[in-house]
N, C-alpha and C. Protein backbone atom coordinates (compact mmCIF):
# COMPACT_ATOMS: atom_id res chain seq x y z
N MET A 1 6.49 83.31 -40.42
CA MET A 1 6.82 83.75 -39.08
C MET A 1 5.93 83.00 -38.08
N PHE A 2 6.51 82.75 -36.93
CA PHE A 2 5.78 82.07 -35.86
C PHE A 2 6.00 82.81 -34.55
N LEU A 3 5.05 82.67 -33.66
CA LEU A 3 5.14 83.19 -32.31
C LEU A 3 5.52 82.01 -31.42
N TYR A 4 6.65 82.16 -30.71
CA TYR A 4 7.18 81.07 -29.88
C TYR A 4 7.08 81.42 -28.40
N LYS A 5 6.70 80.44 -27.61
CA LYS A 5 6.78 80.53 -26.15
C LYS A 5 7.93 79.62 -25.75
N ILE A 6 8.99 80.21 -25.19
CA ILE A 6 10.19 79.46 -24.85
C ILE A 6 10.39 79.49 -23.34
N GLU A 7 10.63 78.33 -22.76
CA GLU A 7 10.86 78.20 -21.32
C GLU A 7 12.36 78.14 -21.06
N LEU A 8 12.82 78.97 -20.12
CA LEU A 8 14.23 79.01 -19.74
C LEU A 8 14.36 78.51 -18.31
N GLN A 9 15.20 77.52 -18.10
CA GLN A 9 15.49 77.03 -16.75
C GLN A 9 16.71 77.79 -16.24
N LEU A 10 16.53 78.46 -15.10
CA LEU A 10 17.58 79.27 -14.50
C LEU A 10 18.13 78.56 -13.26
N PRO A 11 19.25 79.04 -12.72
CA PRO A 11 19.79 78.43 -11.49
C PRO A 11 18.78 78.48 -10.34
N GLU A 12 18.98 77.61 -9.37
CA GLU A 12 18.16 77.54 -8.15
C GLU A 12 16.71 77.18 -8.44
N GLY A 13 16.46 76.43 -9.50
CA GLY A 13 15.11 75.96 -9.81
C GLY A 13 14.17 77.02 -10.34
N LYS A 14 14.66 78.20 -10.64
CA LYS A 14 13.81 79.26 -11.18
C LYS A 14 13.63 79.06 -12.68
N GLN A 15 12.57 79.66 -13.21
CA GLN A 15 12.37 79.61 -14.64
C GLN A 15 11.79 80.92 -15.14
N ALA A 16 11.94 81.15 -16.42
CA ALA A 16 11.40 82.35 -17.07
C ALA A 16 10.83 81.91 -18.41
N HIS A 17 9.97 82.74 -18.96
CA HIS A 17 9.40 82.46 -20.27
C HIS A 17 9.68 83.64 -21.20
N LEU A 18 10.03 83.34 -22.43
CA LEU A 18 10.28 84.35 -23.45
C LEU A 18 9.28 84.12 -24.57
N ILE A 19 8.62 85.18 -24.99
CA ILE A 19 7.72 85.13 -26.14
C ILE A 19 8.43 85.89 -27.25
N VAL A 20 8.66 85.24 -28.37
CA VAL A 20 9.43 85.86 -29.45
C VAL A 20 8.83 85.50 -30.81
N LEU A 21 8.91 86.43 -31.74
CA LEU A 21 8.46 86.22 -33.11
C LEU A 21 9.68 85.88 -33.95
N ALA A 22 9.65 84.74 -34.65
CA ALA A 22 10.80 84.31 -35.43
C ALA A 22 10.35 83.52 -36.65
N ALA A 23 11.24 83.45 -37.65
CA ALA A 23 10.92 82.75 -38.88
C ALA A 23 11.09 81.24 -38.77
N SER A 24 11.91 80.78 -37.81
CA SER A 24 12.15 79.34 -37.66
C SER A 24 12.53 79.02 -36.22
N ASP A 25 12.54 77.72 -35.91
CA ASP A 25 12.94 77.28 -34.57
C ASP A 25 14.37 77.73 -34.27
N GLU A 26 15.25 77.59 -35.26
CA GLU A 26 16.66 77.97 -35.07
C GLU A 26 16.80 79.45 -34.76
N LYS A 27 16.05 80.29 -35.48
CA LYS A 27 16.10 81.74 -35.23
C LYS A 27 15.56 82.06 -33.84
N ALA A 28 14.48 81.38 -33.43
CA ALA A 28 13.91 81.61 -32.10
C ALA A 28 14.95 81.32 -31.03
N PHE A 29 15.66 80.19 -31.15
CA PHE A 29 16.71 79.86 -30.18
C PHE A 29 17.84 80.88 -30.22
N SER A 30 18.15 81.41 -31.39
CA SER A 30 19.26 82.36 -31.50
C SER A 30 18.96 83.69 -30.80
N TYR A 31 17.70 84.02 -30.60
CA TYR A 31 17.32 85.27 -29.94
C TYR A 31 17.35 85.18 -28.42
N VAL A 32 17.37 83.99 -27.87
CA VAL A 32 17.25 83.80 -26.42
C VAL A 32 18.36 84.52 -25.66
N GLU A 33 19.60 84.32 -26.05
CA GLU A 33 20.75 84.88 -25.31
C GLU A 33 20.68 86.41 -25.27
N SER A 34 20.37 87.04 -26.40
CA SER A 34 20.34 88.51 -26.42
C SER A 34 19.21 89.06 -25.55
N HIS A 35 18.07 88.37 -25.52
CA HIS A 35 16.97 88.82 -24.66
C HIS A 35 17.34 88.63 -23.19
N ALA A 36 18.00 87.53 -22.86
CA ALA A 36 18.42 87.29 -21.47
C ALA A 36 19.42 88.35 -21.02
N GLN A 37 20.35 88.71 -21.90
CA GLN A 37 21.34 89.73 -21.56
C GLN A 37 20.70 91.08 -21.32
N ARG A 38 19.67 91.41 -22.08
CA ARG A 38 18.98 92.69 -21.91
C ARG A 38 18.09 92.72 -20.68
N HIS A 39 17.55 91.58 -20.30
CA HIS A 39 16.60 91.53 -19.19
C HIS A 39 17.27 91.50 -17.82
N PHE A 40 18.32 90.70 -17.67
CA PHE A 40 18.96 90.52 -16.37
C PHE A 40 20.15 91.45 -16.21
N LEU A 41 20.35 91.98 -15.01
CA LEU A 41 21.50 92.80 -14.72
C LEU A 41 22.79 91.99 -14.88
N HIS A 42 22.79 90.79 -14.30
CA HIS A 42 23.87 89.82 -14.46
C HIS A 42 23.25 88.58 -15.10
N THR A 43 23.59 88.31 -16.33
CA THR A 43 22.97 87.20 -17.06
C THR A 43 23.28 85.87 -16.38
N PRO A 44 22.23 85.15 -15.94
CA PRO A 44 22.47 83.84 -15.30
C PRO A 44 22.82 82.78 -16.34
N GLU A 45 23.39 81.70 -15.87
CA GLU A 45 23.67 80.57 -16.75
C GLU A 45 22.33 79.89 -17.05
N LEU A 46 22.01 79.78 -18.32
CA LEU A 46 20.76 79.13 -18.71
C LEU A 46 20.99 77.63 -18.72
N GLN A 47 20.27 76.91 -17.85
CA GLN A 47 20.49 75.47 -17.70
C GLN A 47 19.80 74.67 -18.79
N SER A 48 18.65 75.17 -19.27
CA SER A 48 17.99 74.54 -20.41
C SER A 48 17.06 75.55 -21.07
N ILE A 49 16.83 75.32 -22.34
CA ILE A 49 15.96 76.17 -23.15
C ILE A 49 15.06 75.23 -23.95
N ALA A 50 13.75 75.46 -23.89
CA ALA A 50 12.82 74.58 -24.61
C ALA A 50 11.67 75.37 -25.20
N ILE A 51 11.31 75.04 -26.43
CA ILE A 51 10.12 75.62 -27.04
C ILE A 51 8.92 74.89 -26.47
N ILE A 52 8.04 75.65 -25.84
CA ILE A 52 6.84 75.08 -25.21
C ILE A 52 5.66 75.12 -26.18
N GLU A 53 5.54 76.23 -26.93
CA GLU A 53 4.45 76.37 -27.90
C GLU A 53 4.94 77.15 -29.10
N LYS A 54 4.31 76.88 -30.23
CA LYS A 54 4.63 77.57 -31.48
C LYS A 54 3.32 77.75 -32.23
N LYS A 55 3.03 78.99 -32.64
CA LYS A 55 1.81 79.20 -33.42
C LYS A 55 1.97 80.36 -34.38
N ARG A 56 1.16 80.35 -35.41
CA ARG A 56 1.20 81.44 -36.39
C ARG A 56 0.54 82.67 -35.77
N PRO A 57 1.16 83.84 -35.94
CA PRO A 57 0.55 85.05 -35.38
C PRO A 57 -0.65 85.50 -36.21
N GLU A 58 -1.71 85.84 -35.51
CA GLU A 58 -2.93 86.38 -36.11
C GLU A 58 -3.39 87.48 -35.18
N PRO A 59 -4.26 88.37 -35.63
CA PRO A 59 -4.77 89.38 -34.69
C PRO A 59 -5.34 88.71 -33.44
N GLY A 60 -4.88 89.15 -32.30
CA GLY A 60 -5.34 88.58 -31.03
C GLY A 60 -4.49 87.43 -30.53
N SER A 61 -3.49 86.99 -31.29
CA SER A 61 -2.61 85.91 -30.83
C SER A 61 -1.84 86.34 -29.60
N GLY A 62 -1.63 85.43 -28.70
CA GLY A 62 -0.85 85.75 -27.52
C GLY A 62 -0.75 84.54 -26.61
N TYR A 63 -0.09 84.75 -25.50
CA TYR A 63 0.08 83.71 -24.49
C TYR A 63 -0.28 84.27 -23.13
N LEU A 64 -0.89 83.45 -22.32
CA LEU A 64 -1.13 83.78 -20.93
C LEU A 64 -0.06 83.06 -20.12
N ILE A 65 0.71 83.81 -19.36
CA ILE A 65 1.79 83.20 -18.57
C ILE A 65 1.43 83.31 -17.10
N GLU A 66 1.18 82.18 -16.51
CA GLU A 66 0.79 82.13 -15.10
C GLU A 66 2.04 82.24 -14.23
N GLY A 67 1.97 83.06 -13.17
CA GLY A 67 3.14 83.33 -12.34
C GLY A 67 3.33 82.42 -11.22
């Protein structure tokens, strides 16, 4: 399992970050759509999706996301 930081490019130059635990890169990408649907009232068109970081989870693992 890996902890992924995924960057989502949204319309109008906006972006969001998703942190997800997955067994592979393919699984991490497969979770993006369902998380976007749950988060947004009206799911925006995702213009691009990119894995920014990938690391093994250990106690204390995490990401700092600057706003």
